[in-house]
Amino acid sequence: MAPLTRCYSAAADQPDDLGVALGGNPPPPSENDNGDDDGNGGHGGAALVLAAGRTLESLPLDIGQAVQKGTIPADMLKRYLDMSSNPIIAWLMQFGGFRERLLADPGFLVKVAIEVGIGICTKTTAEYAKRGEQFESQLDFVFANICMALIADFMLVWLPAPTYAANKSVASKAPGMLSSIFAGCPDNAFQKVPPGYEPFTFVQRCGSVVRNGAKLFGVGFFASLLGVGMTNGLVAIREMLDPSFVPLNAPQDVAVMSGAYGLYMASSSNLRYQILAGIVEERGIEVLFKNNPAICAALSFAVRTGNTFLGSLLWVDFLSILGLQKIGH
C-alpha cells in the first residue's frame, strides 16, 4: 500500500476530549509518555532509523531530537520512515508544515488534490456557462478567477488539517501575534488529540475557530484582491486596445469585494471546513473505513464536492445579503 493513500488518522485511537472545559496548553509528548517496553524509547527509535538505512543526522531536526529523547511513538516514526521512502513525499517532508500534516494524516495530499481538482472543474464549468461563446477569447479573465479560487481552496484544506509536531520546541508554527495568542490550540475545533498530548480544552478548541477565521479572512481578502484586481486590470487593457470590446459586467469595487470575500471565508468557509476535516473525515470516514483507503478517498471526494457546491450557493446568498448582487439579475 502506497504511503500516500493510507487513510487513517494519527489519533484515530486516542480518547475523545470534547467534554474537557479548562486546562493548560497541550505539551509535546513527554519523556515518560512512551516506555522502552513498547519500542518507543530512544534506543528503540534509533534502531528503527538504522533498520531503515537512515542515520539520526539525516532526519529533520524535530524528528531527530524526538528520537534521541524517546518521545516519538514507534508507529509515528515508522510512518515517517515509510512515507519518506517516496522521493516526492520525502521532498515535501523537508518542510515543517507538510511534515506535520502528513504525519497526522497520510491522506492529506489526497485531500488537497481532491479539493483543488474539484475547484478547477467547478470554477471552469461556471466560467464557461457564464461566458459561453466568449470563453476562449476571455481565457485571461478565466485564468485570473481560477487562480483566486485555487489559492482559497488550498488554504481551506491546509489550515484545518490536523498536525502532529514531534518536538514542539522546533515545530513549524510561524512566529507572530496570532501564534503566540493561540499557542496550544488545535488545527481545527474537532481535531482528535495527537499521541502524547494532553487533551485540548474547550477554550483552545474555540480559539482554533477564531484563529483560523482570522487567517482565512486574510487569505480571502488577498486572494480576492488579486483576482478582482487582475480582472479589472485586464478589462481596462482590453478596452484600451479594442474600443469595441464590451465587458460582461461592470468593474467591481476591489476593496469591497475583497472585504466581502474575506468575511465569507472567515465565517461560512471556516466553519464548514472545520466540521468537514474534524468531524466528517477524521472522526467519521477515517474511523469507519480506516483500513479501506479507496473508500475513504471516494467518500472524501463526495463530501468535498457537496461542500463546494453548497459553498457556491451560500456565496451567492452572502452577496445578496450584503446588497452586492441581486439574485436573478
C-alpha atoms as a PDB file:
ATOM      1  CA  MET A   1       0.000   0.000   0.000  1.00  0.00           C
ATOM      2  CA  ALA A   2       1.461   3.322  -1.009  1.00  0.00           C
ATOM      3  CA  PRO A   3       2.004   5.658   1.965  1.00  0.00           C
ATOM      4  CA  LEU A   4       0.209   8.499   0.211  1.00  0.00           C
ATOM      5  CA  THR A   5      -3.102   6.679   0.107  1.00  0.00           C
ATOM      6  CA  ARG A   6      -3.232   5.417   3.675  1.00  0.00           C
ATOM      7  CA  CYS A   7      -6.337   6.834   5.222  1.00  0.00           C
ATOM      8  CA  TYR A   8      -6.178   6.620   8.973  1.00  0.00           C
ATOM      9  CA  SER A   9      -5.704   9.478  11.416  1.00  0.00           C
ATOM     10  CA  ALA A  10      -2.679   9.808  13.667  1.00  0.00           C
ATOM     11  CA  ALA A  11      -5.008   9.999  16.622  1.00  0.00           C
ATOM     12  CA  ALA A  12      -7.657   7.547  15.463  1.00  0.00           C
ATOM     13  CA  ASP A  13      -7.387   5.557  18.683  1.00  0.00           C
ATOM     14  CA  GLN A  14      -6.980   8.482  21.069  1.00  0.00           C
ATOM     15  CA  PRO A  15      -9.701   9.247  23.665  1.00  0.00           C
ATOM     16  CA  ASP A  16     -12.288  11.847  22.855  1.00  0.00           C
ATOM     17  CA  ASP A  17     -11.875  15.011  24.935  1.00  0.00           C
ATOM     18  CA  LEU A  18     -14.668  17.285  23.758  1.00  0.00           C
ATOM     19  CA  GLY A  19     -16.061  17.412  27.273  1.00  0.00           C
ATOM     20  CA  VAL A  20     -12.914  18.956  28.802  1.00  0.00           C
ATOM     21  CA  ALA A  21     -13.642  22.516  29.840  1.00  0.00           C
ATOM     22  CA  LEU A  22     -10.400  24.099  31.007  1.00  0.00           C
ATOM     23  CA  GLY A  23      -6.688  23.377  31.158  1.00  0.00           C
ATOM     24  CA  GLY A  24      -3.228  24.432  30.011  1.00  0.00           C
ATOM     25  CA  ASN A  25      -1.647  24.368  26.590  1.00  0.00           C
ATOM     26  CA  PRO A  26      -1.105  20.812  25.329  1.00  0.00           C
ATOM     27  CA  PRO A  27       2.597  19.978  25.668  1.00  0.00           C
ATOM     28  CA  PRO A  28       4.602  17.823  23.305  1.00  0.00           C
ATOM     29  CA  PRO A  29       4.998  14.180  24.238  1.00  0.00           C
ATOM     30  CA  SER A  30       6.920  13.918  27.497  1.00  0.00           C
ATOM     31  CA  GLU A  31       9.810  11.607  28.078  1.00  0.00           C
ATOM     32  CA  ASN A  32       7.619   9.500  30.364  1.00  0.00           C
ATOM     33  CA  ASP A  33       4.780   9.106  27.877  1.00  0.00           C
ATOM     34  CA  ASN A  34       6.409   6.254  25.978  1.00  0.00           C
ATOM     35  CA  GLY A  35       8.412   3.480  27.541  1.00  0.00           C
ATOM     36  CA  ASP A  36      11.050   1.187  26.111  1.00  0.00           C
ATOM     37  CA  ASP A  37       8.772  -1.791  26.645  1.00  0.00           C
ATOM     38  CA  ASP A  38       6.784  -0.960  23.520  1.00  0.00           C
ATOM     39  CA  GLY A  39       9.663   0.198  21.397  1.00  0.00           C
ATOM     40  CA  ASN A  40       9.155   3.920  21.871  1.00  0.00           C
ATOM     41  CA  GLY A  41      12.332   4.693  23.815  1.00  0.00           C
ATOM     42  CA  GLY A  42      15.392   6.399  22.416  1.00  0.00           C
ATOM     43  CA  HIS A  43      17.236   3.138  21.680  1.00  0.00           C
ATOM     44  CA  GLY A  44      14.180   1.582  20.066  1.00  0.00           C
ATOM     45  CA  GLY A  45      13.661   4.610  17.858  1.00  0.00           C
ATOM     46  CA  ALA A  46      17.315   4.696  16.860  1.00  0.00           C
ATOM     47  CA  ALA A  47      17.101   1.018  15.945  1.00  0.00           C
ATOM     48  CA  LEU A  48      14.136   1.706  13.670  1.00  0.00           C
ATOM     49  CA  VAL A  49      16.068   4.502  11.976  1.00  0.00           C
ATOM     50  CA  LEU A  50      19.121   2.296  11.441  1.00  0.00           C
ATOM     51  CA  ALA A  51      16.970  -0.578  10.183  1.00  0.00           C
ATOM     52  CA  ALA A  52      15.546   1.768   7.548  1.00  0.00           C
ATOM     53  CA  GLY A  53      19.065   2.586   6.370  1.00  0.00           C
ATOM     54  CA  ARG A  54      18.954   6.106   7.800  1.00  0.00           C
ATOM     55  CA  THR A  55      21.006   7.988  10.378  1.00  0.00           C
ATOM     56  CA  LEU A  56      19.801  10.418  13.036  1.00  0.00           C
ATOM     57  CA  GLU A  57      21.716  13.191  11.266  1.00  0.00           C
ATOM     58  CA  SER A  58      19.655  12.604   8.098  1.00  0.00           C
ATOM     59  CA  LEU A  59      16.370  13.205   9.923  1.00  0.00           C
ATOM     60  CA  PRO A  60      14.672  16.612  10.275  1.00  0.00           C
ATOM     61  CA  LEU A  61      15.670  18.388  13.486  1.00  0.00           C
ATOM     62  CA  ASP A  62      12.362  17.826  15.282  1.00  0.00           C
ATOM     63  CA  ILE A  63      12.214  14.118  14.384  1.00  0.00           C
ATOM     64  CA  GLY A  64      15.875  13.568  15.289  1.00  0.00           C
ATOM     65  CA  GLN A  65      15.528  15.234  18.686  1.00  0.00           C
ATOM     66  CA  ALA A  66      12.336  13.303  19.442  1.00  0.00           C
ATOM     67  CA  VAL A  67      14.096  10.022  18.597  1.00  0.00           C
ATOM     68  CA  GLN A  68      17.028  10.897  20.862  1.00  0.00           C
ATOM     69  CA  LYS A  69      14.686  11.786  23.742  1.00  0.00           C
ATOM     70  CA  GLY A  70      12.481   8.751  23.122  1.00  0.00           C
ATOM     71  CA  THR A  71       9.337  10.899  22.890  1.00  0.00           C
ATOM     72  CA  ILE A  72       8.111   9.927  19.425  1.00  0.00           C
ATOM     73  CA  PRO A  73       5.805   6.873  19.312  1.00  0.00           C
ATOM     74  CA  ALA A  74       7.180   3.953  17.325  1.00  0.00           C
ATOM     75  CA  ASP A  75       4.204   3.891  14.955  1.00  0.00           C
ATOM     76  CA  MET A  76       4.647   7.592  14.192  1.00  0.00           C
ATOM     77  CA  LEU A  77       8.364   7.117  13.495  1.00  0.00           C
ATOM     78  CA  LYS A  78       7.589   4.152  11.244  1.00  0.00           C
ATOM     79  CA  ARG A  79       5.046   6.278   9.418  1.00  0.00           C
ATOM     80  CA  TYR A  80       7.646   8.963   8.782  1.00  0.00           C
ATOM     81  CA  LEU A  81      10.234   6.448   7.577  1.00  0.00           C
ATOM     82  CA  ASP A  82       7.723   4.690   5.318  1.00  0.00           C
ATOM     83  CA  MET A  83       6.489   7.903   3.719  1.00  0.00           C
ATOM     84  CA  SER A  84       9.974   9.362   3.272  1.00  0.00           C
ATOM     85  CA  SER A  85      10.886   6.386   1.068  1.00  0.00           C
ATOM     86  CA  ASN A  86       8.804   8.069  -1.646  1.00  0.00           C
ATOM     87  CA  PRO A  87      11.056  10.741  -3.276  1.00  0.00           C
ATOM     88  CA  ILE A  88       8.229  13.235  -3.802  1.00  0.00           C
ATOM     89  CA  ILE A  89       6.873  12.813  -0.280  1.00  0.00           C
ATOM     90  CA  ALA A  90      10.416  12.953   1.114  1.00  0.00           C
ATOM     91  CA  TRP A  91      10.977  16.297  -0.604  1.00  0.00           C
ATOM     92  CA  LEU A  92       7.715  17.722   0.740  1.00  0.00           C
ATOM     93  CA  MET A  93       8.505  16.491   4.237  1.00  0.00           C
ATOM     94  CA  GLN A  94      11.571  18.708   4.319  1.00  0.00           C
ATOM     95  CA  PHE A  95       9.078  21.499   5.021  1.00  0.00           C
ATOM     96  CA  GLY A  96       7.703  21.512   8.557  1.00  0.00           C
ATOM     97  CA  GLY A  97       4.137  22.372   7.592  1.00  0.00           C
ATOM     98  CA  PHE A  98       3.845  19.456   5.177  1.00  0.00           C
ATOM     99  CA  ARG A  99       5.675  17.095   7.534  1.00  0.00           C
ATOM    100  CA  GLU A 100       3.350  17.819  10.455  1.00  0.00           C
ATOM    101  CA  ARG A 101       0.236  17.395   8.314  1.00  0.00           C
ATOM    102  CA  LEU A 102       1.410  14.198   6.617  1.00  0.00           C
ATOM    103  CA  LEU A 103       2.393  12.640   9.944  1.00  0.00           C
ATOM    104  CA  ALA A 104      -1.052  13.415  11.363  1.00  0.00           C
ATOM    105  CA  ASP A 105      -2.873  12.388   8.190  1.00  0.00           C
ATOM    106  CA  PRO A 106      -1.060  10.432   5.444  1.00  0.00           C
ATOM    107  CA  GLY A 107      -4.050  11.165   3.197  1.00  0.00           C
ATOM    108  CA  PHE A 108      -3.522  14.928   3.397  1.00  0.00           C
ATOM    109  CA  LEU A 109      -2.177  15.256  -0.166  1.00  0.00           C
ATOM    110  CA  VAL A 110      -5.093  13.222  -1.492  1.00  0.00           C
ATOM    111  CA  LYS A 111      -7.479  15.704   0.133  1.00  0.00           C
ATOM    112  CA  VAL A 112      -5.557  18.648  -1.340  1.00  0.00           C
ATOM    113  CA  ALA A 113      -5.715  17.042  -4.793  1.00  0.00           C
ATOM    114  CA  ILE A 114      -9.450  16.360  -4.404  1.00  0.00           C
ATOM    115  CA  GLU A 115     -10.228  19.907  -3.253  1.00  0.00           C
ATOM    116  CA  VAL A 116      -8.084  21.609  -5.899  1.00  0.00           C
ATOM    117  CA  GLY A 117      -9.329  19.264  -8.631  1.00  0.00           C
ATOM    118  CA  ILE A 118     -12.940  19.931  -7.692  1.00  0.00           C
ATOM    119  CA  GLY A 119     -12.195  23.656  -7.589  1.00  0.00           C
ATOM    120  CA  ILE A 120     -10.683  23.677 -11.075  1.00  0.00           C
ATOM    121  CA  CYS A 121     -13.568  21.681 -12.581  1.00  0.00           C
ATOM    122  CA  THR A 122     -16.397  23.576 -10.915  1.00  0.00           C
ATOM    123  CA  LYS A 123     -14.862  27.002 -11.464  1.00  0.00           C
ATOM    124  CA  THR A 124     -14.033  26.281 -15.117  1.00  0.00           C
ATOM    125  CA  THR A 125     -17.542  24.933 -15.690  1.00  0.00           C
ATOM    126  CA  ALA A 126     -19.068  28.021 -14.097  1.00  0.00           C
ATOM    127  CA  GLU A 127     -16.869  30.319 -16.170  1.00  0.00           C
ATOM    128  CA  TYR A 128     -17.822  28.508 -19.378  1.00  0.00           C
ATOM    129  CA  ALA A 129     -21.526  28.645 -18.513  1.00  0.00           C
ATOM    130  CA  LYS A 130     -21.237  32.355 -17.795  1.00  0.00           C
ATOM    131  CA  ARG A 131     -19.148  33.345 -20.827  1.00  0.00           C
ATOM    132  CA  GLY A 132     -20.484  30.922 -23.446  1.00  0.00           C
ATOM    133  CA  GLU A 133     -19.029  31.596 -26.876  1.00  0.00           C
ATOM    134  CA  GLN A 134     -16.713  34.245 -25.445  1.00  0.00           C
ATOM    135  CA  PHE A 135     -14.953  31.696 -23.212  1.00  0.00           C
ATOM    136  CA  GLU A 136     -11.897  31.186 -25.461  1.00  0.00           C
ATOM    137  CA  SER A 137     -11.459  34.871 -26.187  1.00  0.00           C
ATOM    138  CA  GLN A 138     -11.584  35.657 -22.467  1.00  0.00           C
ATOM    139  CA  LEU A 139      -9.223  32.978 -21.149  1.00  0.00           C
ATOM    140  CA  ASP A 140      -7.167  35.661 -19.430  1.00  0.00           C
ATOM    141  CA  PHE A 141     -10.145  36.574 -17.218  1.00  0.00           C
ATOM    142  CA  VAL A 142     -10.900  32.897 -16.628  1.00  0.00           C
ATOM    143  CA  PHE A 143      -7.300  32.315 -15.541  1.00  0.00           C
ATOM    144  CA  ALA A 144      -7.391  35.205 -13.074  1.00  0.00           C
ATOM    145  CA  ASN A 145     -10.620  33.955 -11.489  1.00  0.00           C
ATOM    146  CA  ILE A 146      -9.408  30.359 -11.253  1.00  0.00           C
ATOM    147  CA  CYS A 147      -6.134  31.458  -9.627  1.00  0.00           C
ATOM    148  CA  MET A 148      -8.111  33.259  -6.922  1.00  0.00           C
ATOM    149  CA  ALA A 149     -10.261  30.190  -6.317  1.00  0.00           C
ATOM    150  CA  LEU A 150      -7.312  27.783  -6.153  1.00  0.00           C
ATOM    151  CA  ILE A 151      -5.477  29.866  -3.558  1.00  0.00           C
ATOM    152  CA  ALA A 152      -8.580  29.792  -1.387  1.00  0.00           C
ATOM    153  CA  ASP A 153      -9.186  26.061  -1.989  1.00  0.00           C
ATOM    154  CA  PHE A 154      -5.646  25.131  -0.952  1.00  0.00           C
ATOM    155  CA  MET A 155      -5.761  27.182   2.236  1.00  0.00           C
ATOM    156  CA  LEU A 156      -9.179  25.765   3.152  1.00  0.00           C
ATOM    157  CA  VAL A 157      -7.582  22.315   3.263  1.00  0.00           C
ATOM    158  CA  TRP A 158      -4.270  23.461   4.782  1.00  0.00           C
ATOM    159  CA  LEU A 159      -5.480  25.444   7.805  1.00  0.00           C
ATOM    160  CA  PRO A 160      -7.951  22.996   9.422  1.00  0.00           C
ATOM    161  CA  ALA A 161      -5.837  19.903   8.635  1.00  0.00           C
ATOM    162  CA  PRO A 162      -4.729  18.031  11.792  1.00  0.00           C
ATOM    163  CA  THR A 163      -0.999  18.187  12.576  1.00  0.00           C
ATOM    164  CA  TYR A 164       1.495  16.234  14.656  1.00  0.00           C
ATOM    165  CA  ALA A 165       4.634  18.006  15.888  1.00  0.00           C
ATOM    166  CA  ALA A 166       7.279  15.547  17.077  1.00  0.00           C
ATOM    167  CA  ASN A 167       9.052  18.289  19.020  1.00  0.00           C
ATOM    168  CA  LYS A 168       7.100  21.488  19.549  1.00  0.00           C
ATOM    169  CA  SER A 169      10.220  23.440  20.505  1.00  0.00           C
ATOM    170  CA  VAL A 170      11.302  23.264  16.854  1.00  0.00           C
ATOM    171  CA  ALA A 171       7.873  22.855  15.246  1.00  0.00           C
ATOM    172  CA  SER A 172       6.909  24.764  12.115  1.00  0.00           C
ATOM    173  CA  LYS A 173       4.438  27.150  13.726  1.00  0.00           C
ATOM    174  CA  ALA A 174       5.044  30.576  12.244  1.00  0.00           C
ATOM    175  CA  PRO A 175       6.048  33.343  14.649  1.00  0.00           C
ATOM    176  CA  GLY A 176       3.691  36.236  15.158  1.00  0.00           C
ATOM    177  CA  MET A 177       0.897  37.615  17.264  1.00  0.00           C
ATOM    178  CA  LEU A 178      -1.685  35.006  16.257  1.00  0.00           C
ATOM    179  CA  SER A 179       0.706  32.146  17.001  1.00  0.00           C
ATOM    180  CA  SER A 180       1.523  33.468  20.456  1.00  0.00           C
ATOM    181  CA  ILE A 181      -2.081  34.259  21.391  1.00  0.00           C
ATOM    182  CA  PHE A 182      -3.442  30.927  20.194  1.00  0.00           C
ATOM    183  CA  ALA A 183      -0.496  28.730  21.179  1.00  0.00           C
ATOM    184  CA  GLY A 184      -1.733  25.244  22.055  1.00  0.00           C
ATOM    185  CA  CYS A 185      -4.946  25.452  20.038  1.00  0.00           C
ATOM    186  CA  PRO A 186      -5.691  22.500  17.750  1.00  0.00           C
ATOM    187  CA  ASP A 187      -5.734  22.984  13.997  1.00  0.00           C
ATOM    188  CA  ASN A 188      -9.487  22.556  13.930  1.00  0.00           C
ATOM    189  CA  ALA A 189     -12.014  22.678  16.727  1.00  0.00           C
ATOM    190  CA  PHE A 190     -12.845  18.977  16.412  1.00  0.00           C
ATOM    191  CA  GLN A 191      -9.342  17.561  15.959  1.00  0.00           C
ATOM    192  CA  LYS A 192      -8.510  14.410  17.911  1.00  0.00           C
ATOM    193  CA  VAL A 193      -5.697  14.569  20.447  1.00  0.00           C
ATOM    194  CA  PRO A 194      -2.326  13.611  18.900  1.00  0.00           C
ATOM    195  CA  PRO A 195      -0.393  10.816  20.647  1.00  0.00           C
ATOM    196  CA  GLY A 196       1.336  12.012  23.816  1.00  0.00           C
ATOM    197  CA  TYR A 197      -0.563  15.302  24.106  1.00  0.00           C
ATOM    198  CA  GLU A 198      -2.826  16.421  26.910  1.00  0.00           C
ATOM    199  CA  PRO A 199      -6.488  16.892  25.916  1.00  0.00           C
ATOM    200  CA  PHE A 200      -7.347  20.173  24.251  1.00  0.00           C
ATOM    201  CA  THR A 201      -9.532  22.397  26.394  1.00  0.00           C
ATOM    202  CA  PHE A 202     -12.879  23.827  25.353  1.00  0.00           C
ATOM    203  CA  VAL A 203     -11.299  27.299  25.242  1.00  0.00           C
ATOM    204  CA  GLN A 204      -8.496  26.051  22.985  1.00  0.00           C
ATOM    205  CA  ARG A 205     -10.986  24.440  20.634  1.00  0.00           C
ATOM    206  CA  CYS A 206     -12.951  27.682  20.417  1.00  0.00           C
ATOM    207  CA  GLY A 207      -9.665  29.501  19.861  1.00  0.00           C
ATOM    208  CA  SER A 208      -8.974  27.412  16.769  1.00  0.00           C
ATOM    209  CA  VAL A 209     -12.174  28.753  15.187  1.00  0.00           C
ATOM    210  CA  VAL A 210     -11.152  32.353  15.900  1.00  0.00           C
ATOM    211  CA  ARG A 211      -7.535  31.858  14.791  1.00  0.00           C
ATOM    212  CA  ASN A 212      -8.421  30.092  11.535  1.00  0.00           C
ATOM    213  CA  GLY A 213     -11.130  32.666  10.892  1.00  0.00           C
ATOM    214  CA  ALA A 214      -8.588  35.479  11.183  1.00  0.00           C
ATOM    215  CA  LYS A 215      -6.198  33.677   8.841  1.00  0.00           C
ATOM    216  CA  LEU A 216      -8.931  32.873   6.324  1.00  0.00           C
ATOM    217  CA  PHE A 217     -10.083  36.476   6.327  1.00  0.00           C
ATOM    218  CA  GLY A 218      -6.577  37.442   5.231  1.00  0.00           C
ATOM    219  CA  VAL A 219      -6.463  34.644   2.648  1.00  0.00           C
ATOM    220  CA  GLY A 220      -9.865  35.579   1.223  1.00  0.00           C
ATOM    221  CA  PHE A 221      -9.108  39.294   1.212  1.00  0.00           C
ATOM    222  CA  PHE A 222      -5.811  38.997  -0.642  1.00  0.00           C
ATOM    223  CA  ALA A 223      -6.997  36.222  -2.977  1.00  0.00           C
ATOM    224  CA  SER A 224      -9.944  38.394  -3.999  1.00  0.00           C
ATOM    225  CA  LEU A 225      -7.688  41.442  -4.201  1.00  0.00           C
ATOM    226  CA  LEU A 226      -5.515  39.517  -6.647  1.00  0.00           C
ATOM    227  CA  GLY A 227      -8.366  38.022  -8.679  1.00  0.00           C
ATOM    228  CA  VAL A 228     -10.630  41.079  -8.890  1.00  0.00           C
ATOM    229  CA  GLY A 229      -7.652  43.384  -9.382  1.00  0.00           C
ATOM    230  CA  MET A 230      -6.326  41.259 -12.244  1.00  0.00           C
ATOM    231  CA  THR A 231      -9.770  41.050 -13.844  1.00  0.00           C
ATOM    232  CA  ASN A 232     -10.366  44.807 -13.630  1.00  0.00           C
ATOM    233  CA  GLY A 233      -6.886  45.450 -14.979  1.00  0.00           C
ATOM    234  CA  LEU A 234      -7.406  43.087 -17.905  1.00  0.00           C
ATOM    235  CA  VAL A 235     -10.750  44.727 -18.702  1.00  0.00           C
ATOM    236  CA  ALA A 236      -9.114  48.165 -18.746  1.00  0.00           C
ATOM    237  CA  ILE A 237      -6.321  46.935 -21.045  1.00  0.00           C
ATOM    238  CA  ARG A 238      -8.828  45.274 -23.375  1.00  0.00           C
ATOM    239  CA  GLU A 239     -10.891  48.444 -23.606  1.00  0.00           C
ATOM    240  CA  MET A 240      -7.767  50.459 -24.439  1.00  0.00           C
ATOM    241  CA  LEU A 241      -6.633  48.043 -27.152  1.00  0.00           C
ATOM    242  CA  ASP A 242     -10.070  47.228 -28.522  1.00  0.00           C
ATOM    243  CA  PRO A 243     -12.645  50.070 -28.290  1.00  0.00           C
ATOM    244  CA  SER A 244     -15.362  47.664 -29.492  1.00  0.00           C
ATOM    245  CA  PHE A 245     -14.815  45.326 -26.535  1.00  0.00           C
ATOM    246  CA  VAL A 246     -17.823  45.208 -24.202  1.00  0.00           C
ATOM    247  CA  PRO A 247     -17.197  43.536 -20.787  1.00  0.00           C
ATOM    248  CA  LEU A 248     -19.828  41.149 -19.465  1.00  0.00           C
ATOM    249  CA  ASN A 249     -20.089  43.051 -16.178  1.00  0.00           C
ATOM    250  CA  ALA A 250     -19.118  46.459 -14.874  1.00  0.00           C
ATOM    251  CA  PRO A 251     -15.769  46.576 -13.000  1.00  0.00           C
ATOM    252  CA  GLN A 252     -16.104  45.513  -9.362  1.00  0.00           C
ATOM    253  CA  ASP A 253     -15.010  47.551  -6.369  1.00  0.00           C
ATOM    254  CA  VAL A 254     -11.784  45.778  -5.411  1.00  0.00           C
ATOM    255  CA  ALA A 255     -11.792  46.784  -1.732  1.00  0.00           C
ATOM    256  CA  VAL A 256     -15.468  45.999  -1.161  1.00  0.00           C
ATOM    257  CA  MET A 257     -15.356  42.614  -2.888  1.00  0.00           C
ATOM    258  CA  SER A 258     -12.111  41.684  -1.134  1.00  0.00           C
ATOM    259  CA  GLY A 259     -13.603  42.541   2.244  1.00  0.00           C
ATOM    260  CA  ALA A 260     -16.757  40.579   1.449  1.00  0.00           C
ATOM    261  CA  TYR A 261     -14.816  37.505   0.354  1.00  0.00           C
ATOM    262  CA  GLY A 262     -12.631  37.736   3.449  1.00  0.00           C
ATOM    263  CA  LEU A 263     -15.714  37.822   5.694  1.00  0.00           C
ATOM    264  CA  TYR A 264     -17.248  34.894   3.837  1.00  0.00           C
ATOM    265  CA  MET A 265     -14.069  32.821   4.176  1.00  0.00           C
ATOM    266  CA  ALA A 266     -13.758  33.680   7.886  1.00  0.00           C
ATOM    267  CA  SER A 267     -17.347  32.697   8.641  1.00  0.00           C
ATOM    268  CA  SER A 268     -19.048  30.215   6.316  1.00  0.00           C
ATOM    269  CA  SER A 269     -15.962  28.572   4.808  1.00  0.00           C
ATOM    270  CA  ASN A 270     -14.150  28.435   8.145  1.00  0.00           C
ATOM    271  CA  LEU A 271     -16.955  26.611   9.954  1.00  0.00           C
ATOM    272  CA  ARG A 272     -17.819  24.291   7.069  1.00  0.00           C
ATOM    273  CA  TYR A 273     -14.237  23.132   6.540  1.00  0.00           C
ATOM    274  CA  GLN A 274     -13.550  22.675  10.265  1.00  0.00           C
ATOM    275  CA  ILE A 275     -16.614  20.443  10.501  1.00  0.00           C
ATOM    276  CA  LEU A 276     -15.579  18.629   7.318  1.00  0.00           C
ATOM    277  CA  ALA A 277     -11.982  17.993   8.425  1.00  0.00           C
ATOM    278  CA  GLY A 278     -12.605  17.331  12.099  1.00  0.00           C
ATOM    279  CA  ILE A 279     -15.963  15.537  12.239  1.00  0.00           C
ATOM    280  CA  VAL A 280     -16.897  14.164   8.811  1.00  0.00           C
ATOM    281  CA  GLU A 281     -13.423  12.947   7.815  1.00  0.00           C
ATOM    282  CA  GLU A 282     -11.250  12.468  10.919  1.00  0.00           C
ATOM    283  CA  ARG A 283     -13.959  11.284  13.329  1.00  0.00           C
ATOM    284  CA  GLY A 284     -16.259   9.721  10.743  1.00  0.00           C
ATOM    285  CA  ILE A 285     -14.919   8.413   7.452  1.00  0.00           C
ATOM    286  CA  GLU A 286     -11.402   7.653   8.688  1.00  0.00           C
ATOM    287  CA  VAL A 287     -12.682   5.752  11.728  1.00  0.00           C
ATOM    288  CA  LEU A 288     -15.355   3.714   9.950  1.00  0.00           C
ATOM    289  CA  PHE A 289     -13.165   2.862   6.938  1.00  0.00           C
ATOM    290  CA  LYS A 290      -9.611   3.198   8.322  1.00  0.00           C
ATOM    291  CA  ASN A 291      -8.463   0.033   6.512  1.00  0.00           C
ATOM    292  CA  ASN A 292     -10.092   0.941   3.187  1.00  0.00           C
ATOM    293  CA  PRO A 293      -8.196   3.862   1.614  1.00  0.00           C
ATOM    294  CA  ALA A 294     -10.133   3.644  -1.661  1.00  0.00           C
ATOM    295  CA  ILE A 295     -13.450   4.035   0.151  1.00  0.00           C
ATOM    296  CA  CYS A 296     -12.018   6.886   2.232  1.00  0.00           C
ATOM    297  CA  ALA A 297     -10.864   8.719  -0.900  1.00  0.00           C
ATOM    298  CA  ALA A 298     -14.199   8.172  -2.652  1.00  0.00           C
ATOM    299  CA  LEU A 299     -16.209   9.410   0.323  1.00  0.00           C
ATOM    300  CA  SER A 300     -13.905  12.409   0.795  1.00  0.00           C
ATOM    301  CA  PHE A 301     -14.393  13.252  -2.869  1.00  0.00           C
ATOM    302  CA  ALA A 302     -18.174  13.017  -2.480  1.00  0.00           C
ATOM    303  CA  VAL A 303     -18.453  15.138   0.665  1.00  0.00           C
ATOM    304  CA  ARG A 304     -15.966  17.742  -0.579  1.00  0.00           C
ATOM    305  CA  THR A 305     -17.826  18.031  -3.876  1.00  0.00           C
ATOM    306  CA  GLY A 306     -21.053  18.565  -1.976  1.00  0.00           C
ATOM    307  CA  ASN A 307     -19.386  21.089   0.301  1.00  0.00           C
ATOM    308  CA  THR A 308     -18.018  23.021  -2.684  1.00  0.00           C
ATOM    309  CA  PHE A 309     -21.477  23.134  -4.292  1.00  0.00           C
ATOM    310  CA  LEU A 310     -23.020  24.272  -1.001  1.00  0.00           C
ATOM    311  CA  GLY A 311     -20.342  26.945  -0.660  1.00  0.00           C
ATOM    312  CA  SER A 312     -21.138  28.289  -4.128  1.00  0.00           C
ATOM    313  CA  LEU A 313     -24.805  28.650  -3.210  1.00  0.00           C
ATOM    314  CA  LEU A 314     -24.011  30.282   0.133  1.00  0.00           C
ATOM    315  CA  TRP A 315     -21.606  32.754  -1.536  1.00  0.00           C
ATOM    316  CA  VAL A 316     -24.398  33.998  -3.814  1.00  0.00           C
ATOM    317  CA  ASP A 317     -26.696  34.331  -0.802  1.00  0.00           C
ATOM    318  CA  PHE A 318     -23.952  36.124   1.131  1.00  0.00           C
ATOM    319  CA  LEU A 319     -23.501  38.679  -1.664  1.00  0.00           C
ATOM    320  CA  SER A 320     -27.253  39.166  -1.826  1.00  0.00           C
ATOM    321  CA  ILE A 321     -27.462  39.789   1.935  1.00  0.00           C
ATOM    322  CA  LEU A 322     -24.718  42.415   1.657  1.00  0.00           C
ATOM    323  CA  GLY A 323     -26.512  44.039  -1.283  1.00  0.00           C
ATOM    324  CA  LEU A 324     -23.597  43.382  -3.656  1.00  0.00           C
ATOM    325  CA  GLN A 325     -25.530  41.165  -6.045  1.00  0.00           C
ATOM    326  CA  LYS A 326     -29.188  40.717  -6.851  1.00  0.00           C
ATOM    327  CA  ILE A 327     -30.284  37.100  -7.279  1.00  0.00           C
ATOM    328  CA  GLY A 328     -31.827  36.568 -10.671  1.00  0.00           C
ATOM    329  CA  HIS A 329     -30.035  39.533 -12.240  1.00  0.00           C
END
